[in-house]
Amino acid sequence: MARLVRWTALTAAAALITAGCSSGSSGDDQDDRGTDSRRPSAPAPPGVPASLASQQLDWGRCKGTADSSAPGGDWQCATLKVPLDWAKPDGETIGLALIRDKADGDRRIGSLLFNFGGPGGSGVSMMPSYADSVSRLHERYDLVSWDPRGVAASEGVRCRGDEEIEAAESVDTTPDTPAEEEAYLKDAADFGKGCEKSAGKLMAHVSTTDTARDMDLMRHVLGDGKMHYFGISYGTELGGVYAHLFPKNVGRMILDAVVDPSADTMGHAENQTRGFQRALDDYLESTGQDPERGTRKIAALLDRIDAEPLPTSSPGRKLTQTLAVTGIVLPLYSKDGWPALTSALEAAEEGDGSELLALADGYNERDSSGHYGTTTHSQRVISCLDDKQRPTVEETKELLPRFEKISPVFGRFLGWDTAGWCHDWPVAGQHETPAVSASGAAPILVVGNTGDPATPYEGARRMADELGKDVGVMLTWKGEGHGAYGSGSDCVDSAVNAYLLDGTVPKDGKVCS
C-alpha cells in the first residue's frame, strides 16, 4: 500500500539514477569547483549555534553505490550538519546528503534548491537525471538538491525487508470481510513498528517543519541571502511551510503540481479520488471509449481480480486487486504512459496480469531482483508525523459510499487508505493542515495543471489564496499529467523561466492552453 502523492518521475521509475554522496573527498576527488569562497550574505537563522551556522561544506565528487555508478560530470556531493531536534539546536546533529552542479554561465543568481516530491523522494538520486529539463535555469543557478531527513542517504528509514514487503502484497487493502479487515489493520500496525525500530529517535523529528528549518540553514551555508526554490508535488507543501516560517527569506519560488494546503487527511483522499478518476476519464476518452462505461468495465475487472488474482510471468507472484489498482495509477501520471495502460488492461482482460504487475512494480520501486526502494517508507514516516488525524475504521466505512460514487475504480482503495496509513502509529501527528500563510514574502509562482491526477488543480488555487494577497501568483495550464513545467507547454516554460531568470512575475490568473 502506498499513498499516491508522488512526482511525475514515477512514469520512469525503473530508470531513476541513484547517486551516492561523500562529504570527505580529497586529493584526486577534489577540483576547483569544490572550492567555494562565497560567504553567507544574510544573518544566520535565529537560534542556530555558531558551529552549524559557520560550517563549511566539503564538496567532492559523488561516490557510486552498490546499486549504481556515480553521476559523473561536474556533480558534487557534501554533507550538511543540522540539529536532530530543532527545539534543542545545541544538541545532537544528523547529516543531510546534498548534491549540486554549479551554474554554467557567468551571470550567476545563486542556488536553486529542488524538492521533487514524495514525501520521501531522494533529491540526490533525482537531480542529475532532471538536469536536462532545467538546462536554461542551470545557466544562472547552481542546481542543488538533497535527501531530506529520514530519506535515502540522510538517515533513511527502511521499515521492512524485501521479503516482508513482497509477502505484504497479498494483504487486501480494500477488505471485504472481518478477517481481511483484521489482516489489513495488523499489517498497518506492524509496518509502523518496523519504522519505529529503524528510525529510533529520529522518527519524531522528520516533519515537514523540521525539513523547512533545515532548508533555511542550508540556504545560509550555501551562501544565499534569499531562498530560490523549485518544489514539485509534496515539494509545494514544503515550500509553503518554508515561506510561512521564513517569509522575508523567500526569493524566487516555484510551486508546481500543488498539494492542497487546506485539505486534511480525508480531504486529500477525496481530492485524489476525484483527480485520478478525472485522469482516467481523459484517458478513456482518448481511446474512443465512453468514460462512464469504460470505468464500469475496469471496476468489474478489479472485482474479478479481487475474487481470483491473475497469474503473471513473475515466478510465484500473482496480480492482486491492490497491485492492479497501483498498476493503473502509475501510467495516469503522464500521457506518455497511456499506451502502456491500454496494453496492460487488454492483457488483464485476457487473464494475464504480467503487464499491470510490471507497472505496479515501477510504482513500488521493485527491481528485477526483487529489491524494493524505500520512498514509501520515508513517505509514511514523514506524513504520519505531519498529520494529526487518525481516521477510524468506522469513520472510513461511513465515507466509502461517497468515495466509490466519485470513482468506482479508486474510491475504495483511497478511502480505506485513510484508516490504514497511520493506524496505531507510534508517534502523534502535529497538525490538521499545514500553515502556509506568508505575509510579507516576495511573489511565489503557483502552477496548477487542470489534468493533474495526484494533486488536483483546485489545490493550486487554494495554495495561492492561503499564501496571501500579493504573494501567491496563479498560473494555470490546461494539460494532462502530474506537473506542468517541462511537460510540453512553451507558455508554461516561458513564464517559469522568465520568473526565475529575470524576476518577471506573470499576471495572476494567467492561463496556458
Protein backbone atom coordinates (compact mmCIF):
# COMPACT_ATOMS: atom_id res chain seq x y z
CA MET A 1 0.00 0.00 0.00
CA ALA A 2 1.33 3.44 -0.90
CA ARG A 3 -0.19 6.88 -0.63
CA LEU A 4 -0.31 8.50 -4.04
CA VAL A 5 1.25 11.95 -3.60
CA ARG A 6 4.37 11.39 -5.63
CA TRP A 7 6.07 13.03 -8.61
CA THR A 8 5.92 12.64 -12.38
CA ALA A 9 9.24 10.79 -12.39
CA LEU A 10 7.22 7.76 -11.35
CA THR A 11 6.43 7.23 -15.03
CA ALA A 12 10.08 6.35 -15.46
CA ALA A 13 10.61 4.86 -12.02
CA ALA A 14 12.77 2.00 -13.18
CA ALA A 15 15.18 4.41 -14.84
CA LEU A 16 15.85 6.64 -11.86
CA ILE A 17 19.54 7.15 -11.18
CA THR A 18 20.84 6.52 -7.70
CA ALA A 19 23.88 8.58 -6.76
CA GLY A 20 25.95 8.33 -3.60
CA CYS A 21 27.25 11.30 -1.66
CA SER A 22 30.54 11.84 0.07
CA SER A 23 31.49 14.68 2.35
CA GLY A 24 35.12 13.78 2.81
CA SER A 25 36.66 13.77 -0.65
CA SER A 26 40.21 14.96 -1.11
CA GLY A 27 43.14 14.62 -3.46
CA ASP A 28 42.04 13.44 -6.90
CA ASP A 29 38.40 13.64 -5.86
CA GLN A 30 38.64 17.40 -5.36
CA ASP A 31 38.62 20.04 -8.09
CA ASP A 32 38.39 23.80 -8.35
CA ARG A 33 34.58 23.59 -8.47
CA GLY A 34 34.69 22.19 -4.94
CA THR A 35 36.24 25.37 -3.59
CA ASP A 36 33.57 27.84 -2.55
CA SER A 37 34.83 31.11 -1.16
CA ARG A 38 31.41 32.77 -1.03
CA ARG A 39 30.19 33.58 2.44
CA PRO A 40 26.57 33.86 3.52
CA SER A 41 25.20 37.30 2.70
CA ALA A 42 22.44 37.24 5.31
CA PRO A 43 22.37 36.67 9.06
CA ALA A 44 22.30 33.08 10.21
CA PRO A 45 18.90 31.59 11.10
CA PRO A 46 17.98 32.67 14.64
CA GLY A 47 18.94 30.27 17.38
CA VAL A 48 21.36 28.27 15.25
CA PRO A 49 24.65 27.64 17.08
CA ALA A 50 27.77 29.12 15.51
CA SER A 51 29.25 25.66 14.96
CA LEU A 52 26.43 24.88 12.50
CA ALA A 53 25.97 28.36 11.03
CA SER A 54 29.66 28.66 10.16
CA GLN A 55 30.20 25.15 8.82
CA GLN A 56 32.00 24.80 5.51
CA LEU A 57 30.65 22.21 3.06
CA ASP A 58 33.41 19.93 1.83
CA TRP A 59 32.25 19.42 -1.75
CA GLY A 60 33.74 16.42 -3.50
CA ARG A 61 32.92 14.08 -6.34
CA CYS A 62 29.85 11.95 -5.71
CA LYS A 63 30.51 8.30 -4.98
CA GLY A 64 28.80 5.34 -6.54
CA THR A 65 26.86 2.81 -4.52
CA ALA A 66 26.49 -0.95 -4.67
CA ASP A 67 23.46 -0.47 -6.91
CA SER A 68 24.61 2.28 -9.27
CA SER A 69 27.50 4.31 -10.55
CA ALA A 70 28.20 7.91 -9.57
CA PRO A 71 26.51 10.60 -11.69
CA GLY A 72 29.82 11.82 -13.13
CA GLY A 73 30.29 15.13 -14.89
CA ASP A 74 30.52 18.15 -12.63
CA TRP A 75 28.16 16.85 -9.96
CA GLN A 76 29.48 17.25 -6.43
CA CYS A 77 28.25 15.97 -3.09
CA ALA A 78 28.62 17.09 0.51
CA THR A 79 27.05 16.59 3.92
CA LEU A 80 25.32 19.35 5.88
CA LYS A 81 25.05 19.03 9.66
CA VAL A 82 21.68 20.00 11.17
CA PRO A 83 20.18 19.59 14.66
CA LEU A 84 18.38 16.32 15.25
CA ASP A 85 15.83 18.27 17.30
CA TRP A 86 15.28 21.88 16.28
CA ALA A 87 13.93 22.56 19.79
CA LYS A 88 17.45 21.75 21.03
CA PRO A 89 19.72 23.21 18.32
CA ASP A 90 22.82 22.83 20.52
CA GLY A 91 22.22 19.10 20.89
CA GLU A 92 22.83 16.06 18.73
CA THR A 93 23.22 16.56 14.98
CA ILE A 94 22.47 14.47 11.89
CA GLY A 95 23.90 14.70 8.39
CA LEU A 96 21.96 15.60 5.25
CA ALA A 97 23.27 14.47 1.86
CA LEU A 98 23.48 17.29 -0.72
CA ILE A 99 24.24 17.32 -4.44
CA ARG A 100 24.96 20.24 -6.76
CA ASP A 101 26.22 21.29 -10.17
CA LYS A 102 27.43 24.88 -10.28
CA ALA A 103 25.96 27.40 -12.71
CA ASP A 104 27.10 27.15 -16.34
CA GLY A 105 27.04 30.85 -17.15
CA ASP A 106 28.78 33.95 -15.80
CA ARG A 107 25.66 35.76 -14.53
CA ARG A 108 25.04 33.54 -11.54
CA ILE A 109 22.00 34.37 -9.38
CA GLY A 110 22.59 31.82 -6.63
CA SER A 111 21.49 28.32 -5.69
CA LEU A 112 18.18 26.89 -6.93
CA LEU A 113 17.05 24.24 -4.46
CA PHE A 114 14.83 21.41 -5.72
CA ASN A 115 12.47 19.08 -3.90
CA PHE A 116 10.92 16.50 -6.23
CA GLY A 117 8.11 15.32 -4.01
CA GLY A 118 7.04 12.25 -2.10
CA PRO A 119 7.44 13.00 0.71
CA GLY A 120 10.39 10.66 0.72
CA GLY A 121 11.87 11.21 -2.73
CA SER A 122 15.66 11.33 -2.98
CA GLY A 123 16.87 14.61 -4.43
CA VAL A 124 20.41 13.26 -4.63
CA SER A 125 19.23 10.47 -6.94
CA MET A 126 16.83 12.60 -8.95
CA MET A 127 18.73 15.84 -9.54
CA PRO A 128 21.23 14.59 -12.16
CA SER A 129 18.51 12.92 -14.25
CA TYR A 130 16.35 16.05 -14.10
CA ALA A 131 19.13 18.49 -15.04
CA ASP A 132 18.45 18.36 -18.79
CA SER A 133 14.88 19.52 -18.13
CA VAL A 134 16.15 22.67 -16.43
CA SER A 135 19.18 23.41 -18.60
CA ARG A 136 18.02 27.01 -19.14
CA LEU A 137 17.90 27.55 -15.39
CA HIS A 138 21.33 25.99 -14.98
CA GLU A 139 22.86 28.90 -16.88
CA ARG A 140 22.31 31.18 -13.90
CA TYR A 141 21.76 28.87 -10.93
CA ASP A 142 23.69 26.21 -9.12
CA LEU A 143 21.35 23.21 -9.31
CA VAL A 144 21.08 21.89 -5.75
CA SER A 145 19.04 19.13 -4.14
CA TRP A 146 19.24 16.95 -1.08
CA ASP A 147 17.84 13.93 0.70
CA PRO A 148 15.60 15.31 3.45
CA ARG A 149 15.96 13.87 6.95
CA GLY A 150 14.74 10.27 7.06
CA VAL A 151 15.27 9.81 3.31
CA ALA A 152 17.85 7.67 1.50
CA ALA A 153 21.38 8.92 2.30
CA SER A 154 20.12 11.25 5.07
CA GLU A 155 19.39 8.76 7.84
CA GLY A 156 17.00 6.94 5.52
CA VAL A 157 14.31 4.75 7.08
CA ARG A 158 13.61 1.16 5.96
CA CYS A 159 10.58 -0.25 7.74
CA ARG A 160 10.61 -3.72 6.16
CA GLY A 161 12.90 -6.06 4.29
CA ASP A 162 12.25 -7.12 0.71
CA GLU A 163 10.72 -10.48 1.61
CA GLU A 164 8.35 -8.84 4.10
CA ILE A 165 7.28 -6.25 1.52
CA GLU A 166 6.54 -8.91 -1.08
CA ALA A 167 4.62 -11.00 1.45
CA ALA A 168 2.51 -7.96 2.38
CA GLU A 169 1.41 -7.59 -1.24
CA SER A 170 -1.12 -10.35 -0.57
CA VAL A 171 -2.89 -8.23 2.07
CA ASP A 172 -6.19 -6.91 0.73
CA THR A 173 -6.16 -3.11 1.13
CA THR A 174 -9.88 -2.91 0.36
CA PRO A 175 -11.09 -5.50 2.89
CA ASP A 176 -14.47 -7.11 2.31
CA THR A 177 -14.69 -9.42 5.34
CA PRO A 178 -13.86 -9.12 9.06
CA ALA A 179 -10.85 -11.41 8.55
CA GLU A 180 -9.48 -9.26 5.71
CA GLU A 181 -10.09 -6.15 7.78
CA GLU A 182 -8.19 -7.60 10.72
CA ALA A 183 -5.27 -8.60 8.49
CA TYR A 184 -5.20 -5.15 6.88
CA LEU A 185 -5.04 -3.29 10.19
CA LYS A 186 -2.48 -5.71 11.65
CA ASP A 187 -0.25 -5.20 8.62
CA ALA A 188 -0.55 -1.42 9.02
CA ALA A 189 0.39 -1.58 12.71
CA ASP A 190 3.30 -3.93 12.00
CA PHE A 191 4.62 -1.51 9.39
CA GLY A 192 4.64 1.31 11.95
CA LYS A 193 6.54 -0.86 14.42
CA GLY A 194 9.14 -1.61 11.77
CA CYS A 195 9.52 2.11 11.06
CA GLU A 196 9.99 2.84 14.76
CA LYS A 197 12.66 0.15 15.04
CA SER A 198 14.52 1.55 12.02
CA ALA A 199 14.20 5.27 12.75
CA GLY A 200 14.51 5.28 16.54
CA LYS A 201 14.53 8.79 18.00
CA LEU A 202 14.65 10.30 14.50
CA MET A 203 11.03 9.24 13.99
CA ALA A 204 9.78 12.23 16.00
CA HIS A 205 11.96 14.68 14.05
CA VAL A 206 11.24 14.15 10.34
CA SER A 207 8.32 16.54 9.94
CA THR A 208 7.90 18.99 7.10
CA THR A 209 8.53 21.79 9.59
CA ASP A 210 11.83 20.18 10.61
CA THR A 211 12.86 19.97 6.95
CA ALA A 212 11.85 23.58 6.27
CA ARG A 213 14.16 24.67 9.10
CA ASP A 214 16.91 22.52 7.60
CA MET A 215 16.38 24.36 4.32
CA ASP A 216 16.97 27.76 5.89
CA LEU A 217 20.24 26.62 7.42
CA MET A 218 21.12 25.13 4.03
CA ARG A 219 20.38 28.47 2.34
CA HIS A 220 22.71 30.25 4.75
CA VAL A 221 25.56 27.75 4.49
CA LEU A 222 25.29 27.73 0.68
CA GLY A 223 25.87 31.49 0.80
CA ASP A 224 22.44 32.65 -0.37
CA GLY A 225 20.71 35.65 1.17
CA LYS A 226 17.39 34.50 -0.32
CA MET A 227 15.86 31.07 -0.85
CA HIS A 228 15.37 30.32 -4.56
CA TYR A 229 13.33 27.12 -4.70
CA PHE A 230 11.54 24.77 -7.09
CA GLY A 231 9.06 22.47 -5.34
CA ILE A 232 7.13 19.72 -7.11
CA SER A 233 4.16 17.79 -5.68
CA TYR A 234 4.83 17.37 -1.92
CA GLY A 235 7.67 19.82 -2.51
CA THR A 236 4.98 22.51 -2.87
CA GLU A 237 3.74 21.85 0.66
CA LEU A 238 7.33 22.02 1.88
CA GLY A 239 7.80 25.31 0.03
CA GLY A 240 4.62 26.74 1.53
CA VAL A 241 5.71 25.78 5.05
CA TYR A 242 9.14 27.33 4.45
CA ALA A 243 7.53 30.57 3.22
CA HIS A 244 5.32 30.65 6.32
CA LEU A 245 8.28 30.23 8.67
CA PHE A 246 10.72 32.48 6.80
CA PRO A 247 8.72 34.91 4.62
CA LYS A 248 11.49 37.52 4.49
CA ASN A 249 13.95 34.95 3.16
CA VAL A 250 11.83 33.94 0.15
CA GLY A 251 13.50 34.77 -3.16
CA ARG A 252 12.11 33.27 -6.37
CA MET A 253 9.93 30.28 -5.54
CA ILE A 254 8.05 27.96 -7.92
CA LEU A 255 5.37 25.54 -6.67
CA ASP A 256 4.32 23.07 -9.40
CA ALA A 257 1.79 20.18 -9.05
CA VAL A 258 0.41 21.75 -5.92
CA VAL A 259 -0.76 19.95 -2.78
CA ASP A 260 -3.94 21.48 -1.34
CA PRO A 261 -2.88 23.03 1.99
CA SER A 262 -6.50 23.34 3.15
CA ALA A 263 -7.23 19.60 2.93
CA ASP A 264 -6.99 17.26 5.90
CA THR A 265 -6.41 13.50 5.62
CA MET A 266 -9.94 12.77 4.39
CA GLY A 267 -9.83 15.81 2.13
CA HIS A 268 -6.62 14.69 0.45
CA ALA A 269 -8.06 11.23 -0.14
CA GLU A 270 -11.19 12.70 -1.70
CA ASN A 271 -9.13 15.11 -3.82
CA GLN A 272 -7.04 12.27 -5.18
CA THR A 273 -10.05 10.07 -5.80
CA ARG A 274 -11.52 12.86 -7.90
CA GLY A 275 -8.18 13.64 -9.57
CA PHE A 276 -7.36 10.09 -10.64
CA GLN A 277 -10.90 9.48 -11.86
CA ARG A 278 -10.67 12.69 -13.88
CA ALA A 279 -7.39 11.49 -15.42
CA LEU A 280 -8.92 8.05 -16.10
CA ASP A 281 -11.88 9.72 -17.84
CA ASP A 282 -9.49 11.71 -20.03
CA TYR A 283 -7.54 8.55 -20.83
CA LEU A 284 -10.69 6.63 -21.73
CA GLU A 285 -11.92 9.46 -23.96
CA SER A 286 -8.54 9.46 -25.74
CA THR A 287 -9.12 5.80 -26.68
CA GLY A 288 -12.63 6.50 -28.00
CA GLN A 289 -14.42 4.99 -25.02
CA ASP A 290 -17.29 6.45 -23.05
CA PRO A 291 -15.69 7.30 -19.66
CA GLU A 292 -18.62 6.03 -17.58
CA ARG A 293 -18.85 2.75 -19.46
CA GLY A 294 -15.07 2.32 -19.52
CA THR A 295 -14.85 2.96 -15.78
CA ARG A 296 -17.50 0.31 -15.07
CA LYS A 297 -15.56 -2.17 -17.21
CA ILE A 298 -12.33 -1.55 -15.28
CA ALA A 299 -14.16 -1.73 -11.94
CA ALA A 300 -15.63 -5.10 -12.96
CA LEU A 301 -12.15 -6.33 -13.89
CA LEU A 302 -10.86 -5.31 -10.46
CA ASP A 303 -13.72 -7.15 -8.77
CA ARG A 304 -12.81 -10.32 -10.66
CA ILE A 305 -9.15 -9.92 -9.69
CA ASP A 306 -10.19 -9.41 -6.05
CA ALA A 307 -12.01 -12.74 -6.16
CA GLU A 308 -9.23 -14.54 -8.05
CA PRO A 309 -5.82 -12.89 -8.56
CA LEU A 310 -4.38 -13.21 -12.06
CA PRO A 311 -1.34 -15.29 -12.97
CA THR A 312 1.77 -13.45 -14.13
CA SER A 313 5.09 -14.27 -15.76
CA SER A 314 6.87 -13.37 -12.50
CA PRO A 315 7.59 -16.67 -10.71
CA GLY A 316 5.47 -17.19 -7.62
CA ARG A 317 3.66 -13.86 -7.94
CA LYS A 318 0.05 -13.11 -8.81
CA LEU A 319 -1.67 -9.84 -9.63
CA THR A 320 -3.88 -8.89 -6.68
CA GLN A 321 -6.53 -6.21 -6.76
CA THR A 322 -4.25 -3.79 -4.88
CA LEU A 323 -1.38 -4.36 -7.31
CA ALA A 324 -3.78 -3.95 -10.22
CA VAL A 325 -5.01 -0.57 -8.95
CA THR A 326 -1.41 0.51 -8.40
CA GLY A 327 -0.57 -0.56 -11.94
CA ILE A 328 -3.44 1.54 -13.29
CA VAL A 329 -2.37 4.56 -11.24
CA LEU A 330 1.22 4.75 -12.48
CA PRO A 331 0.58 5.48 -16.19
CA LEU A 332 -2.01 8.12 -15.30
CA TYR A 333 0.79 10.37 -14.01
CA SER A 334 1.67 11.24 -17.62
CA LYS A 335 0.05 10.94 -21.05
CA ASP A 336 3.23 9.16 -22.15
CA GLY A 337 2.08 6.23 -20.01
CA TRP A 338 -1.36 5.87 -21.57
CA PRO A 339 -0.36 3.37 -24.32
CA ALA A 340 1.19 1.11 -21.66
CA LEU A 341 -2.07 1.27 -19.70
CA THR A 342 -4.07 0.23 -22.76
CA SER A 343 -1.83 -2.77 -23.35
CA ALA A 344 -1.86 -3.80 -19.67
CA LEU A 345 -5.64 -3.60 -19.37
CA GLU A 346 -6.13 -5.61 -22.54
CA ALA A 347 -3.76 -8.30 -21.27
CA ALA A 348 -5.54 -8.42 -17.90
CA GLU A 349 -8.91 -8.83 -19.62
CA GLU A 350 -7.36 -11.85 -21.35
CA GLY A 351 -6.28 -13.28 -17.99
CA ASP A 352 -2.61 -12.19 -17.90
CA GLY A 353 -1.63 -9.85 -15.08
CA SER A 354 2.04 -9.50 -16.06
CA GLU A 355 1.90 -6.01 -17.55
CA LEU A 356 -0.13 -4.46 -14.73
CA LEU A 357 2.23 -6.14 -12.25
CA ALA A 358 5.23 -4.60 -14.04
CA LEU A 359 3.60 -1.17 -13.80
CA ALA A 360 2.87 -1.69 -10.10
CA ASP A 361 6.48 -2.75 -9.55
CA GLY A 362 7.57 0.51 -11.17
CA TYR A 363 5.46 2.47 -8.72
CA ASN A 364 6.66 0.38 -5.77
CA GLU A 365 10.33 0.68 -6.84
CA ARG A 366 10.78 -3.07 -7.17
CA ASP A 367 13.62 -4.14 -9.45
CA SER A 368 14.04 -7.40 -11.34
CA SER A 369 15.95 -8.98 -8.45
CA GLY A 370 13.09 -8.39 -6.02
CA HIS A 371 14.69 -5.45 -4.21
CA TYR A 372 12.35 -2.61 -3.23
CA GLY A 373 13.14 1.07 -2.80
CA THR A 374 12.27 2.92 0.39
CA THR A 375 10.48 6.04 -0.86
CA THR A 376 7.14 4.85 0.52
CA HIS A 377 8.75 4.05 3.87
CA SER A 378 10.07 7.59 4.28
CA GLN A 379 6.82 8.94 2.87
CA ARG A 380 4.79 7.26 5.57
CA VAL A 381 7.11 8.22 8.42
CA ILE A 382 7.07 11.88 7.37
CA SER A 383 3.37 12.18 6.58
CA CYS A 384 2.24 10.37 9.74
CA LEU A 385 4.33 12.77 11.83
CA ASP A 386 2.79 15.71 9.96
CA ASP A 387 -0.84 14.56 10.02
CA LYS A 388 -2.69 14.67 13.32
CA GLN A 389 -5.79 12.88 12.01
CA ARG A 390 -6.14 9.16 12.64
CA PRO A 391 -9.45 8.18 10.96
CA THR A 392 -11.08 5.12 12.49
CA VAL A 393 -12.42 2.18 10.53
CA GLU A 394 -15.94 3.30 11.39
CA GLU A 395 -15.31 6.80 10.02
CA THR A 396 -13.81 5.34 6.86
CA LYS A 397 -16.73 2.98 6.30
CA GLU A 398 -19.18 5.87 6.58
CA LEU A 399 -17.37 7.70 3.78
CA LEU A 400 -16.76 4.73 1.46
CA PRO A 401 -20.06 5.13 -0.46
CA ARG A 402 -19.13 8.74 -1.19
CA PHE A 403 -15.65 7.76 -2.36
CA GLU A 404 -16.99 4.95 -4.53
CA LYS A 405 -19.53 7.29 -6.12
CA ILE A 406 -16.71 9.64 -7.13
CA SER A 407 -14.67 6.73 -8.51
CA PRO A 408 -15.68 3.05 -8.70
CA VAL A 409 -12.03 2.30 -9.58
CA PHE A 410 -10.07 4.31 -7.00
CA GLY A 411 -12.65 5.16 -4.32
CA ARG A 412 -12.36 2.09 -2.09
CA PHE A 413 -8.56 1.99 -2.37
CA LEU A 414 -8.09 5.62 -1.34
CA GLY A 415 -10.93 5.50 1.19
CA TRP A 416 -9.52 2.54 3.10
CA ASP A 417 -6.07 4.11 2.92
CA THR A 418 -7.22 6.81 5.34
CA ALA A 419 -7.80 4.18 8.03
CA GLY A 420 -4.69 2.11 7.41
CA TRP A 421 -1.97 4.60 6.54
CA CYS A 422 -1.21 5.80 10.08
CA HIS A 423 -3.12 3.12 12.01
CA ASP A 424 -1.73 2.58 15.53
CA TRP A 425 1.21 4.84 14.64
CA PRO A 426 3.93 5.08 17.34
CA VAL A 427 4.25 8.90 17.10
CA ALA A 428 1.49 11.52 17.33
CA GLY A 429 0.86 13.82 14.36
CA GLN A 430 1.45 17.56 14.52
CA HIS A 431 -1.37 19.36 12.69
CA GLU A 432 -4.69 19.07 10.87
CA THR A 433 -3.42 21.09 7.90
CA PRO A 434 -0.09 22.84 7.29
CA ALA A 435 0.28 26.59 7.86
CA VAL A 436 1.43 28.27 4.62
CA SER A 437 0.39 31.91 5.01
CA ALA A 438 3.39 34.03 4.11
CA SER A 439 2.55 37.70 4.53
CA GLY A 440 5.48 39.88 3.50
CA ALA A 441 7.09 37.26 1.25
CA ALA A 442 8.12 38.01 -2.32
CA PRO A 443 5.68 36.79 -5.01
CA ILE A 444 5.54 32.98 -5.24
CA LEU A 445 4.54 31.42 -8.57
CA VAL A 446 1.95 28.65 -8.12
CA VAL A 447 1.47 26.43 -11.20
CA GLY A 448 -1.67 24.30 -11.48
CA ASN A 449 -2.45 21.71 -14.16
CA THR A 450 -6.15 21.07 -14.84
CA GLY A 451 -5.48 17.40 -15.66
CA ASP A 452 -3.25 16.60 -12.69
CA PRO A 453 -4.35 13.27 -11.14
CA ALA A 454 -2.32 13.22 -7.92
CA THR A 455 -2.57 16.88 -6.89
CA PRO A 456 -5.81 18.10 -8.50
CA TYR A 457 -5.91 21.58 -9.95
CA GLU A 458 -8.21 23.04 -7.30
CA GLY A 459 -5.42 22.73 -4.71
CA ALA A 460 -3.24 25.20 -6.60
CA ARG A 461 -5.79 27.97 -6.29
CA ARG A 462 -6.19 27.25 -2.58
CA MET A 463 -2.41 27.37 -2.11
CA ALA A 464 -2.20 30.73 -3.89
CA ASP A 465 -5.00 32.08 -1.71
CA GLU A 466 -3.52 30.81 1.55
CA LEU A 467 -0.07 32.19 0.77
CA GLY A 468 -1.75 35.58 0.91
CA LYS A 469 -2.58 38.67 -1.09
CA ASP A 470 0.27 39.82 -3.35
CA VAL A 471 2.21 36.62 -2.53
CA GLY A 472 0.52 33.70 -4.32
CA VAL A 473 0.51 34.24 -8.10
CA MET A 474 -1.55 31.68 -10.03
CA LEU A 475 -0.51 30.21 -13.40
CA THR A 476 -2.85 27.62 -14.98
CA TRP A 477 -2.02 25.02 -17.63
CA LYS A 478 -4.87 23.18 -19.36
CA GLY A 479 -2.93 19.97 -19.74
CA GLU A 480 -2.52 16.38 -18.56
CA GLY A 481 -0.19 14.70 -16.11
CA HIS A 482 1.38 15.39 -12.74
CA GLY A 483 3.18 18.72 -13.07
CA ALA A 484 3.32 21.41 -15.74
CA TYR A 485 6.88 22.68 -16.21
CA GLY A 486 8.75 20.70 -18.85
CA SER A 487 5.60 18.83 -19.86
CA GLY A 488 5.20 20.29 -23.33
CA SER A 489 3.80 23.77 -22.80
CA ASP A 490 6.02 26.54 -24.19
CA CYS A 491 3.70 29.01 -22.46
CA VAL A 492 4.31 27.48 -19.01
CA ASP A 493 8.03 27.01 -19.55
CA SER A 494 8.49 30.58 -20.79
CA ALA A 495 6.60 32.04 -17.84
CA VAL A 496 8.56 29.99 -15.30
CA ASN A 497 11.91 30.76 -16.96
CA ALA A 498 11.17 34.49 -17.13
CA TYR A 499 10.27 34.49 -13.44
CA LEU A 500 13.30 32.53 -12.26
CA LEU A 501 15.87 34.05 -14.62
CA ASP A 502 14.69 37.66 -14.91
CA GLY A 503 12.36 38.10 -11.94
CA THR A 504 9.40 38.78 -14.23
CA VAL A 505 6.23 37.88 -12.35
CA PRO A 506 3.37 36.83 -14.68
CA LYS A 507 -0.08 38.30 -14.24
CA ASP A 508 -2.03 36.48 -11.54
CA GLY A 509 -4.54 34.18 -13.24
CA LYS A 510 -2.58 33.70 -16.47
CA VAL A 511 -3.83 30.63 -18.39
CA CYS A 512 -1.77 28.48 -20.76
CA SER A 513 -3.72 26.13 -23.03
